[in-house]
């Protein structure tokens, strides 16, 4: 995993949207997910193969956080949600 690599991107938003409609009494609130968050890590030497350098995997938020505190070059075992990002 490369930390701070040129191709590494992290983004998130706290943008909120309000839509007003008539209700009989009181208010109605709801939350709509516009785009589900994605947590991605880039690994090198996947399966011990240098030919698998710079491979991206989408992972859970906990896995992402765990990989960010490790030193570059450390071995990690992950359960990817899917390949690519």
PDB file of N, CA and C in Angstrom:
ATOM      1  N   UNK A   1       0.832  -1.170   0.000  1.00  0.00           N
ATOM      2  CA  UNK A   1       0.000   0.000   0.000  1.00  0.00           C
ATOM      3  C   UNK A   1       0.878   1.236   0.000  1.00  0.00           C
ATOM      4  N   UNK A   2       0.579   2.179  -0.816  1.00  0.00           N
ATOM      5  CA  UNK A   2       1.303   3.441  -0.840  1.00  0.00           C
ATOM      6  C   UNK A   2       0.491   4.468  -0.081  1.00  0.00           C
ATOM      7  N   UNK A   3       1.114   5.118   0.861  1.00  0.00           N
ATOM      8  CA  UNK A   3       0.448   6.198   1.549  1.00  0.00           C
ATOM      9  C   UNK A   3       0.912   7.505   0.938  1.00  0.00           C
ATOM     10  N   UNK A   4      -0.045   8.355   0.601  1.00  0.00           N
ATOM     11  CA  UNK A   4       0.315   9.635   0.021  1.00  0.00           C
ATOM     12  C   UNK A   4       0.771   9.536  -1.414  1.00  0.00           C
ATOM     13  N   UNK A   5       0.463   8.443  -2.100  1.00  0.00           N
ATOM     14  CA  UNK A   5       0.853   8.298  -3.501  1.00  0.00           C
ATOM     15  C   UNK A   5       0.131   9.345  -4.336  1.00  0.00           C
ATOM     16  N   UNK A   6       0.721   9.689  -5.466  1.00  0.00           N
ATOM     17  CA  UNK A   6       0.157  10.732  -6.313  1.00  0.00           C
ATOM     18  C   UNK A   6      -1.251  10.390  -6.790  1.00  0.00           C
ATOM     19  N   UNK A   7      -1.554   9.122  -6.976  1.00  0.00           N
ATOM     20  CA  UNK A   7      -2.867   8.739  -7.481  1.00  0.00           C
ATOM     21  C   UNK A   7      -3.894   8.501  -6.400  1.00  0.00           C
ATOM     22  N   UNK A   8      -3.544   8.702  -5.128  1.00  0.00           N
ATOM     23  CA  UNK A   8      -4.467   8.426  -4.025  1.00  0.00           C
ATOM     24  C   UNK A   8      -5.450   9.582  -3.877  1.00  0.00           C
ATOM     25  N   UNK A   9      -6.735   9.228  -3.818  1.00  0.00           N
ATOM     26  CA  UNK A   9      -7.761  10.247  -3.665  1.00  0.00           C
ATOM     27  C   UNK A   9      -8.704   9.837  -2.539  1.00  0.00           C
ATOM     28  N   UNK A  10      -9.053  10.791  -1.695  1.00  0.00           N
ATOM     29  CA  UNK A  10     -10.048  10.575  -0.649  1.00  0.00           C
ATOM     30  C   UNK A  10     -11.033  11.725  -0.735  1.00  0.00           C
ATOM     31  N   UNK A  11     -12.303  11.392  -0.728  1.00  0.00           N
ATOM     32  CA  UNK A  11     -13.290  12.464  -0.786  1.00  0.00           C
ATOM     33  C   UNK A  11     -14.544  12.056  -0.031  1.00  0.00           C
ATOM     34  N   UNK A  12     -15.224  13.043   0.477  1.00  0.00           N
ATOM     35  CA  UNK A  12     -16.486  12.833   1.158  1.00  0.00           C
ATOM     36  C   UNK A  12     -17.205  14.176   1.186  1.00  0.00           C
ATOM     37  N   UNK A  13     -18.490  14.164   1.489  1.00  0.00           N
ATOM     38  CA  UNK A  13     -19.255  15.399   1.496  1.00  0.00           C
ATOM     39  C   UNK A  13     -20.247  15.391   2.641  1.00  0.00           C
ATOM     40  N   UNK A  14     -20.565  16.567   3.108  1.00  0.00           N
ATOM     41  CA  UNK A  14     -21.596  16.719   4.121  1.00  0.00           C
ATOM     42  C   UNK A  14     -22.743  17.556   3.556  1.00  0.00           C
ATOM     43  N   UNK A  15     -22.807  17.627   2.235  1.00  0.00           N
ATOM     44  CA  UNK A  15     -23.827  18.435   1.570  1.00  0.00           C
ATOM     45  C   UNK A  15     -25.216  17.924   1.940  1.00  0.00           C
ATOM     46  N   UNK A  16     -26.080  18.817   2.318  1.00  0.00           N
ATOM     47  CA  UNK A  16     -27.448  18.421   2.648  1.00  0.00           C
ATOM     48  C   UNK A  16     -28.424  19.135   1.714  1.00  0.00           C
ATOM     49  N   UNK A  17     -29.566  18.516   1.504  1.00  0.00           N
ATOM     50  CA  UNK A  17     -30.590  19.076   0.626  1.00  0.00           C
ATOM     51  C   UNK A  17     -31.908  19.082   1.379  1.00  0.00           C
ATOM     52  N   UNK A  18     -32.658  20.170   1.266  1.00  0.00           N
ATOM     53  CA  UNK A  18     -33.960  20.262   1.916  1.00  0.00           C
ATOM     54  C   UNK A  18     -35.032  20.441   0.848  1.00  0.00           C
ATOM     55  N   UNK A  19     -36.064  19.599   0.930  1.00  0.00           N
ATOM     56  CA  UNK A  19     -37.208  19.703   0.026  1.00  0.00           C
ATOM     57  C   UNK A  19     -38.449  19.881   0.898  1.00  0.00           C
ATOM     58  N   UNK A  20     -39.206  20.938   0.664  1.00  0.00           N
ATOM     59  CA  UNK A  20     -40.383  21.210   1.483  1.00  0.00           C
ATOM     60  C   UNK A  20     -41.642  20.729   0.766  1.00  0.00           C
ATOM     61  N   UNK A  21     -42.489  20.019   1.486  1.00  0.00           N
ATOM     62  CA  UNK A  21     -43.792  19.592   0.974  1.00  0.00           C
ATOM     63  C   UNK A  21     -44.808  19.759   2.093  1.00  0.00           C
ATOM     64  N   UNK A  22     -46.095  19.835   1.731  1.00  0.00           N
ATOM     65  CA  UNK A  22     -47.139  19.984   2.736  1.00  0.00           C
ATOM     66  C   UNK A  22     -47.394  18.656   3.441  1.00  0.00           C
ATOM     67  N   UNK A  23     -47.544  18.722   4.755  1.00  0.00           N
ATOM     68  CA  UNK A  23     -47.913  17.561   5.557  1.00  0.00           C
ATOM     69  C   UNK A  23     -49.086  17.962   6.446  1.00  0.00           C
ATOM     70  N   UNK A  24     -49.867  16.987   6.898  1.00  0.00           N
ATOM     71  CA  UNK A  24     -51.040  17.310   7.719  1.00  0.00           C
ATOM     72  C   UNK A  24     -50.655  18.032   9.007  1.00  0.00           C
ATOM     73  N   UNK A  25     -49.627  17.540   9.693  1.00  0.00           N
ATOM     74  CA  UNK A  25     -49.243  18.124  10.965  1.00  0.00           C
ATOM     75  C   UNK A  25     -47.768  17.822  11.226  1.00  0.00           C
ATOM     76  N   UNK A  26     -47.057  18.794  11.761  1.00  0.00           N
ATOM     77  CA  UNK A  26     -45.662  18.568  12.108  1.00  0.00           C
ATOM     78  C   UNK A  26     -44.750  18.571  10.889  1.00  0.00           C
ATOM     79  N   UNK A  27     -43.689  17.815  10.994  1.00  0.00           N
ATOM     80  CA  UNK A  27     -42.703  17.745   9.910  1.00  0.00           C
ATOM     81  C   UNK A  27     -42.377  16.294   9.612  1.00  0.00           C
ATOM     82  N   UNK A  28     -41.873  16.069   8.446  1.00  0.00           N
ATOM     83  CA  UNK A  28     -41.381  14.764   8.042  1.00  0.00           C
ATOM     84  C   UNK A  28     -39.908  14.924   7.692  1.00  0.00           C
ATOM     85  N   UNK A  29     -39.091  14.059   8.206  1.00  0.00           N
ATOM     86  CA  UNK A  29     -37.671  14.103   7.865  1.00  0.00           C
ATOM     87  C   UNK A  29     -37.270  12.767   7.277  1.00  0.00           C
ATOM     88  N   UNK A  30     -36.302  12.791   6.418  1.00  0.00           N
ATOM     89  CA  UNK A  30     -35.767  11.577   5.824  1.00  0.00           C
ATOM     90  C   UNK A  30     -34.347  11.847   5.386  1.00  0.00           C
ATOM     91  N   UNK A  31     -33.626  10.784   5.166  1.00  0.00           N
ATOM     92  CA  UNK A  31     -32.253  10.886   4.689  1.00  0.00           C
ATOM     93  C   UNK A  31     -32.136  10.069   3.421  1.00  0.00           C
ATOM     94  N   UNK A  32     -31.607  10.662   2.402  1.00  0.00           N
ATOM     95  CA  UNK A  32     -31.425   9.991   1.127  1.00  0.00           C
ATOM     96  C   UNK A  32     -29.939   9.916   0.814  1.00  0.00           C
ATOM     97  N   UNK A  33     -29.465   8.728   0.511  1.00  0.00           N
ATOM     98  CA  UNK A  33     -28.066   8.556   0.130  1.00  0.00           C
ATOM     99  C   UNK A  33     -27.942   8.837  -1.359  1.00  0.00           C
ATOM    100  N   UNK A  34     -27.223   9.889  -1.683  1.00  0.00           N
ATOM    101  CA  UNK A  34     -27.051  10.267  -3.085  1.00  0.00           C
ATOM    102  C   UNK A  34     -26.032   9.367  -3.753  1.00  0.00           C
ATOM    103  N   UNK A  35     -24.935   9.141  -3.070  1.00  0.00           N
ATOM    104  CA  UNK A  35     -23.881   8.266  -3.595  1.00  0.00           C
ATOM    105  C   UNK A  35     -23.231   7.587  -2.406  1.00  0.00           C
ATOM    106  N   UNK A  36     -23.322   6.288  -2.345  1.00  0.00           N
ATOM    107  CA  UNK A  36     -22.770   5.556  -1.220  1.00  0.00           C
ATOM    108  C   UNK A  36     -21.266   5.737  -1.142  1.00  0.00           C
ATOM    109  N   UNK A  37     -20.750   5.891   0.081  1.00  0.00           N
ATOM    110  CA  UNK A  37     -19.317   6.093   0.248  1.00  0.00           C
ATOM    111  C   UNK A  37     -18.545   4.864  -0.202  1.00  0.00           C
ATOM    112  N   UNK A  38     -17.348   5.115  -0.740  1.00  0.00           N
ATOM    113  CA  UNK A  38     -16.464   4.030  -1.155  1.00  0.00           C
ATOM    114  C   UNK A  38     -15.130   4.227  -0.473  1.00  0.00           C
ATOM    115  N   UNK A  39     -14.612   3.160   0.106  1.00  0.00           N
ATOM    116  CA  UNK A  39     -13.311   3.180   0.767  1.00  0.00           C
ATOM    117  C   UNK A  39     -12.402   2.266  -0.033  1.00  0.00           C
ATOM    118  N   UNK A  40     -11.312   2.814  -0.538  1.00  0.00           N
ATOM    119  CA  UNK A  40     -10.450   2.062  -1.447  1.00  0.00           C
ATOM    120  C   UNK A  40      -8.999   2.097  -0.979  1.00  0.00           C
ATOM    121  N   UNK A  41      -8.317   0.987  -1.206  1.00  0.00           N
ATOM    122  CA  UNK A  41      -6.890   0.910  -0.912  1.00  0.00           C
ATOM    123  C   UNK A  41      -6.163   0.393  -2.137  1.00  0.00           C
ATOM    124  N   UNK A  42      -4.906   0.833  -2.291  1.00  0.00           N
ATOM    125  CA  UNK A  42      -4.079   0.359  -3.394  1.00  0.00           C
ATOM    126  C   UNK A  42      -2.981  -0.516  -2.801  1.00  0.00           C
ATOM    127  N   UNK A  43      -2.835  -1.712  -3.329  1.00  0.00           N
ATOM    128  CA  UNK A  43      -1.845  -2.654  -2.818  1.00  0.00           C
ATOM    129  C   UNK A  43      -0.810  -2.978  -3.884  1.00  0.00           C
ATOM    130  N   UNK A  44       0.374  -3.344  -3.417  1.00  0.00           N
ATOM    131  CA  UNK A  44       1.452  -3.819  -4.287  1.00  0.00           C
ATOM    132  C   UNK A  44       1.733  -5.277  -3.954  1.00  0.00           C
ATOM    133  N   UNK A  45       2.290  -5.990  -4.907  1.00  0.00           N
ATOM    134  CA  UNK A  45       2.722  -7.381  -4.705  1.00  0.00           C
ATOM    135  C   UNK A  45       1.590  -8.255  -4.171  1.00  0.00           C
ATOM    136  N   UNK A  46       0.412  -8.127  -4.740  1.00  0.00           N
ATOM    137  CA  UNK A  46      -0.729  -8.926  -4.291  1.00  0.00           C
ATOM    138  C   UNK A  46      -0.428 -10.394  -4.542  1.00  0.00           C
ATOM    139  N   UNK A  47      -0.545 -11.199  -3.501  1.00  0.00           N
ATOM    140  CA  UNK A  47      -0.213 -12.616  -3.610  1.00  0.00           C
ATOM    141  C   UNK A  47       1.272 -12.847  -3.802  1.00  0.00           C
ATOM    142  N   UNK A  48       2.120 -11.875  -3.432  1.00  0.00           N
ATOM    143  CA  UNK A  48       3.562 -12.009  -3.574  1.00  0.00           C
ATOM    144  C   UNK A  48       4.064 -11.794  -4.989  1.00  0.00           C
ATOM    145  N   UNK A  49       3.213 -11.283  -5.870  1.00  0.00           N
ATOM    146  CA  UNK A  49       3.602 -11.085  -7.280  1.00  0.00           C
ATOM    147  C   UNK A  49       3.821  -9.605  -7.559  1.00  0.00           C
ATOM    148  N   UNK A  50       5.048  -9.264  -7.918  1.00  0.00           N
ATOM    149  CA  UNK A  50       5.334  -7.870  -8.240  1.00  0.00           C
ATOM    150  C   UNK A  50       4.575  -7.405  -9.488  1.00  0.00           C
ATOM    151  N   UNK A  51       4.138  -8.346 -10.297  1.00  0.00           N
ATOM    152  CA  UNK A  51       3.364  -7.972 -11.483  1.00  0.00           C
ATOM    153  C   UNK A  51       1.992  -7.434 -11.090  1.00  0.00           C
ATOM    154  N   UNK A  52       1.597  -7.628  -9.827  1.00  0.00           N
ATOM    155  CA  UNK A  52       0.306  -7.143  -9.339  1.00  0.00           C
ATOM    156  C   UNK A  52       0.474  -5.856  -8.536  1.00  0.00           C
ATOM    157  N   UNK A  53       1.381  -4.977  -8.966  1.00  0.00           N
ATOM    158  CA  UNK A  53       1.579  -3.688  -8.309  1.00  0.00           C
ATOM    159  C   UNK A  53       0.449  -2.729  -8.667  1.00  0.00           C
ATOM    160  N   UNK A  54       0.189  -1.835  -7.736  1.00  0.00           N
ATOM    161  CA  UNK A  54      -0.787  -0.753  -7.914  1.00  0.00           C
ATOM    162  C   UNK A  54      -2.189  -1.288  -8.235  1.00  0.00           C
ATOM    163  N   UNK A  55      -2.625  -2.279  -7.473  1.00  0.00           N
ATOM    164  CA  UNK A  55      -3.954  -2.863  -7.637  1.00  0.00           C
ATOM    165  C   UNK A  55      -4.899  -2.216  -6.620  1.00  0.00           C
ATOM    166  N   UNK A  56      -6.068  -1.722  -7.089  1.00  0.00           N
ATOM    167  CA  UNK A  56      -7.054  -1.072  -6.221  1.00  0.00           C
ATOM    168  C   UNK A  56      -8.130  -2.067  -5.807  1.00  0.00           C
ATOM    169  N   UNK A  57      -8.551  -1.961  -4.538  1.00  0.00           N
ATOM    170  CA  UNK A  57      -9.643  -2.762  -4.004  1.00  0.00           C
ATOM    171  C   UNK A  57     -10.580  -1.873  -3.201  1.00  0.00           C
ATOM    172  N   UNK A  58     -11.875  -2.122  -3.328  1.00  0.00           N
ATOM    173  CA  UNK A  58     -12.840  -1.430  -2.487  1.00  0.00           C
ATOM    174  C   UNK A  58     -13.024  -2.264  -1.222  1.00  0.00           C
ATOM    175  N   UNK A  59     -12.916  -1.609  -0.059  1.00  0.00           N
ATOM    176  CA  UNK A  59     -12.941  -2.300   1.224  1.00  0.00           C
ATOM    177  C   UNK A  59     -13.901  -1.593   2.179  1.00  0.00           C
ATOM    178  N   UNK A  60     -14.127  -2.214   3.320  1.00  0.00           N
ATOM    179  CA  UNK A  60     -14.963  -1.590   4.347  1.00  0.00           C
ATOM    180  C   UNK A  60     -14.213  -0.409   4.965  1.00  0.00           C
ATOM    181  N   UNK A  61     -14.964   0.454   5.630  1.00  0.00           N
ATOM    182  CA  UNK A  61     -14.349   1.617   6.273  1.00  0.00           C
ATOM    183  C   UNK A  61     -13.339   1.173   7.337  1.00  0.00           C
ATOM    184  N   UNK A  62     -13.642   0.117   8.087  1.00  0.00           N
ATOM    185  CA  UNK A  62     -12.726  -0.367   9.124  1.00  0.00           C
ATOM    186  C   UNK A  62     -11.413  -0.860   8.520  1.00  0.00           C
ATOM    187  N   UNK A  63     -11.507  -1.583   7.404  1.00  0.00           N
ATOM    188  CA  UNK A  63     -10.292  -2.063   6.734  1.00  0.00           C
ATOM    189  C   UNK A  63      -9.470  -0.890   6.231  1.00  0.00           C
ATOM    190  N   UNK A  64     -10.135   0.113   5.644  1.00  0.00           N
ATOM    191  CA  UNK A  64      -9.439   1.304   5.145  1.00  0.00           C
ATOM    192  C   UNK A  64      -8.679   1.990   6.282  1.00  0.00           C
ATOM    193  N   UNK A  65      -9.357   2.184   7.417  1.00  0.00           N
ATOM    194  CA  UNK A  65      -8.735   2.843   8.560  1.00  0.00           C
ATOM    195  C   UNK A  65      -7.535   2.041   9.053  1.00  0.00           C
ATOM    196  N   UNK A  66      -7.671   0.712   9.110  1.00  0.00           N
ATOM    197  CA  UNK A  66      -6.587  -0.154   9.557  1.00  0.00           C
ATOM    198  C   UNK A  66      -5.370  -0.036   8.641  1.00  0.00           C
ATOM    199  N   UNK A  67      -5.597   0.021   7.339  1.00  0.00           N
ATOM    200  CA  UNK A  67      -4.463   0.086   6.409  1.00  0.00           C
ATOM    201  C   UNK A  67      -3.768   1.444   6.455  1.00  0.00           C
ATOM    202  N   UNK A  68      -4.483   2.501   6.818  1.00  0.00           N
ATOM    203  CA  UNK A  68      -3.885   3.830   6.839  1.00  0.00           C
ATOM    204  C   UNK A  68      -2.894   4.021   7.983  1.00  0.00           C
ATOM    205  N   UNK A  69      -3.010   3.228   9.058  1.00  0.00           N
ATOM    206  CA  UNK A  69      -2.090   3.379  10.185  1.00  0.00           C
ATOM    207  C   UNK A  69      -0.853   2.495  10.046  1.00  0.00           C
ATOM    208  N   UNK A  70      -0.804   1.692   9.010  1.00  0.00           N
ATOM    209  CA  UNK A  70       0.357   0.805   8.803  1.00  0.00           C
ATOM    210  C   UNK A  70       1.449   1.526   8.027  1.00  0.00           C
ATOM    211  N   UNK A  71       2.660   1.060   8.220  1.00  0.00           N
ATOM    212  CA  UNK A  71       3.791   1.613   7.471  1.00  0.00           C
ATOM    213  C   UNK A  71       3.720   1.152   6.028  1.00  0.00           C
ATOM    214  N   UNK A  72       4.225   1.965   5.132  1.00  0.00           N
ATOM    215  CA  UNK A  72       4.310   1.578   3.731  1.00  0.00           C
ATOM    216  C   UNK A  72       5.197   0.344   3.621  1.00  0.00           C
ATOM    217  N   UNK A  73       4.748  -0.657   2.887  1.00  0.00           N
ATOM    218  CA  UNK A  73       5.505  -1.888   2.719  1.00  0.00           C
ATOM    219  C   UNK A  73       5.075  -2.991   3.670  1.00  0.00           C
ATOM    220  N   UNK A  74       4.202  -2.670   4.632  1.00  0.00           N
ATOM    221  CA  UNK A  74       3.724  -3.687   5.571  1.00  0.00           C
ATOM    222  C   UNK A  74       2.817  -4.677   4.855  1.00  0.00           C
ATOM    223  N   UNK A  75       2.834  -5.923   5.322  1.00  0.00           N
ATOM    224  CA  UNK A  75       1.935  -6.932   4.778  1.00  0.00           C
ATOM    225  C   UNK A  75       0.559  -6.758   5.414  1.00  0.00           C
ATOM    226  N   UNK A  76      -0.484  -6.868   4.601  1.00  0.00           N
ATOM    227  CA  UNK A  76      -1.851  -6.782   5.105  1.00  0.00           C
ATOM    228  C   UNK A  76      -2.683  -7.896   4.493  1.00  0.00           C
ATOM    229  N   UNK A  77      -3.698  -8.315   5.221  1.00  0.00           N
ATOM    230  CA  UNK A  77      -4.682  -9.256   4.709  1.00  0.00           C
ATOM    231  C   UNK A  77      -6.019  -8.530   4.739  1.00  0.00           C
ATOM    232  N   UNK A  78      -6.680  -8.474   3.595  1.00  0.00           N
ATOM    233  CA  UNK A  78      -7.949  -7.745   3.521  1.00  0.00           C
ATOM    234  C   UNK A  78      -9.034  -8.651   2.958  1.00  0.00           C
ATOM    235  N   UNK A  79     -10.260  -8.270   3.233  1.00  0.00           N
ATOM    236  CA  UNK A  79     -11.436  -8.896   2.633  1.00  0.00           C
ATOM    237  C   UNK A  79     -12.062  -7.850   1.723  1.00  0.00           C
ATOM    238  N   UNK A  80     -11.698  -7.830   0.436  1.00  0.00           N
ATOM    239  CA  UNK A  80     -12.233  -6.782  -0.442  1.00  0.00           C
ATOM    240  C   UNK A  80     -13.720  -6.971  -0.702  1.00  0.00           C
ATOM    241  N   UNK A  81     -14.429  -5.857  -0.780  1.00  0.00           N
ATOM    242  CA  UNK A  81     -15.848  -5.880  -1.151  1.00  0.00           C
ATOM    243  C   UNK A  81     -15.954  -6.104  -2.652  1.00  0.00           C
ATOM    244  N   UNK A  82     -14.995  -5.561  -3.390  1.00  0.00           N
ATOM    245  CA  UNK A  82     -14.920  -5.789  -4.835  1.00  0.00           C
ATOM    246  C   UNK A  82     -13.585  -5.312  -5.350  1.00  0.00           C
ATOM    247  N   UNK A  83     -13.192  -5.798  -6.509  1.00  0.00           N
ATOM    248  CA  UNK A  83     -11.955  -5.352  -7.140  1.00  0.00           C
ATOM    249  C   UNK A  83     -12.192  -3.988  -7.777  1.00  0.00           C
ATOM    250  N   UNK A  84     -11.134  -3.257  -7.918  1.00  0.00           N
ATOM    251  CA  UNK A  84     -11.242  -1.949  -8.529  1.00  0.00           C
ATOM    252  C   UNK A  84     -11.833  -0.948  -7.561  1.00  0.00           C
ATOM    253  N   UNK A  85     -11.976   0.282  -8.039  1.00  0.00           N
ATOM    254  CA  UNK A  85     -12.530   1.313  -7.183  1.00  0.00           C
ATOM    255  C   UNK A  85     -13.231   2.365  -8.016  1.00  0.00           C
TER     256      UNK A  85
END
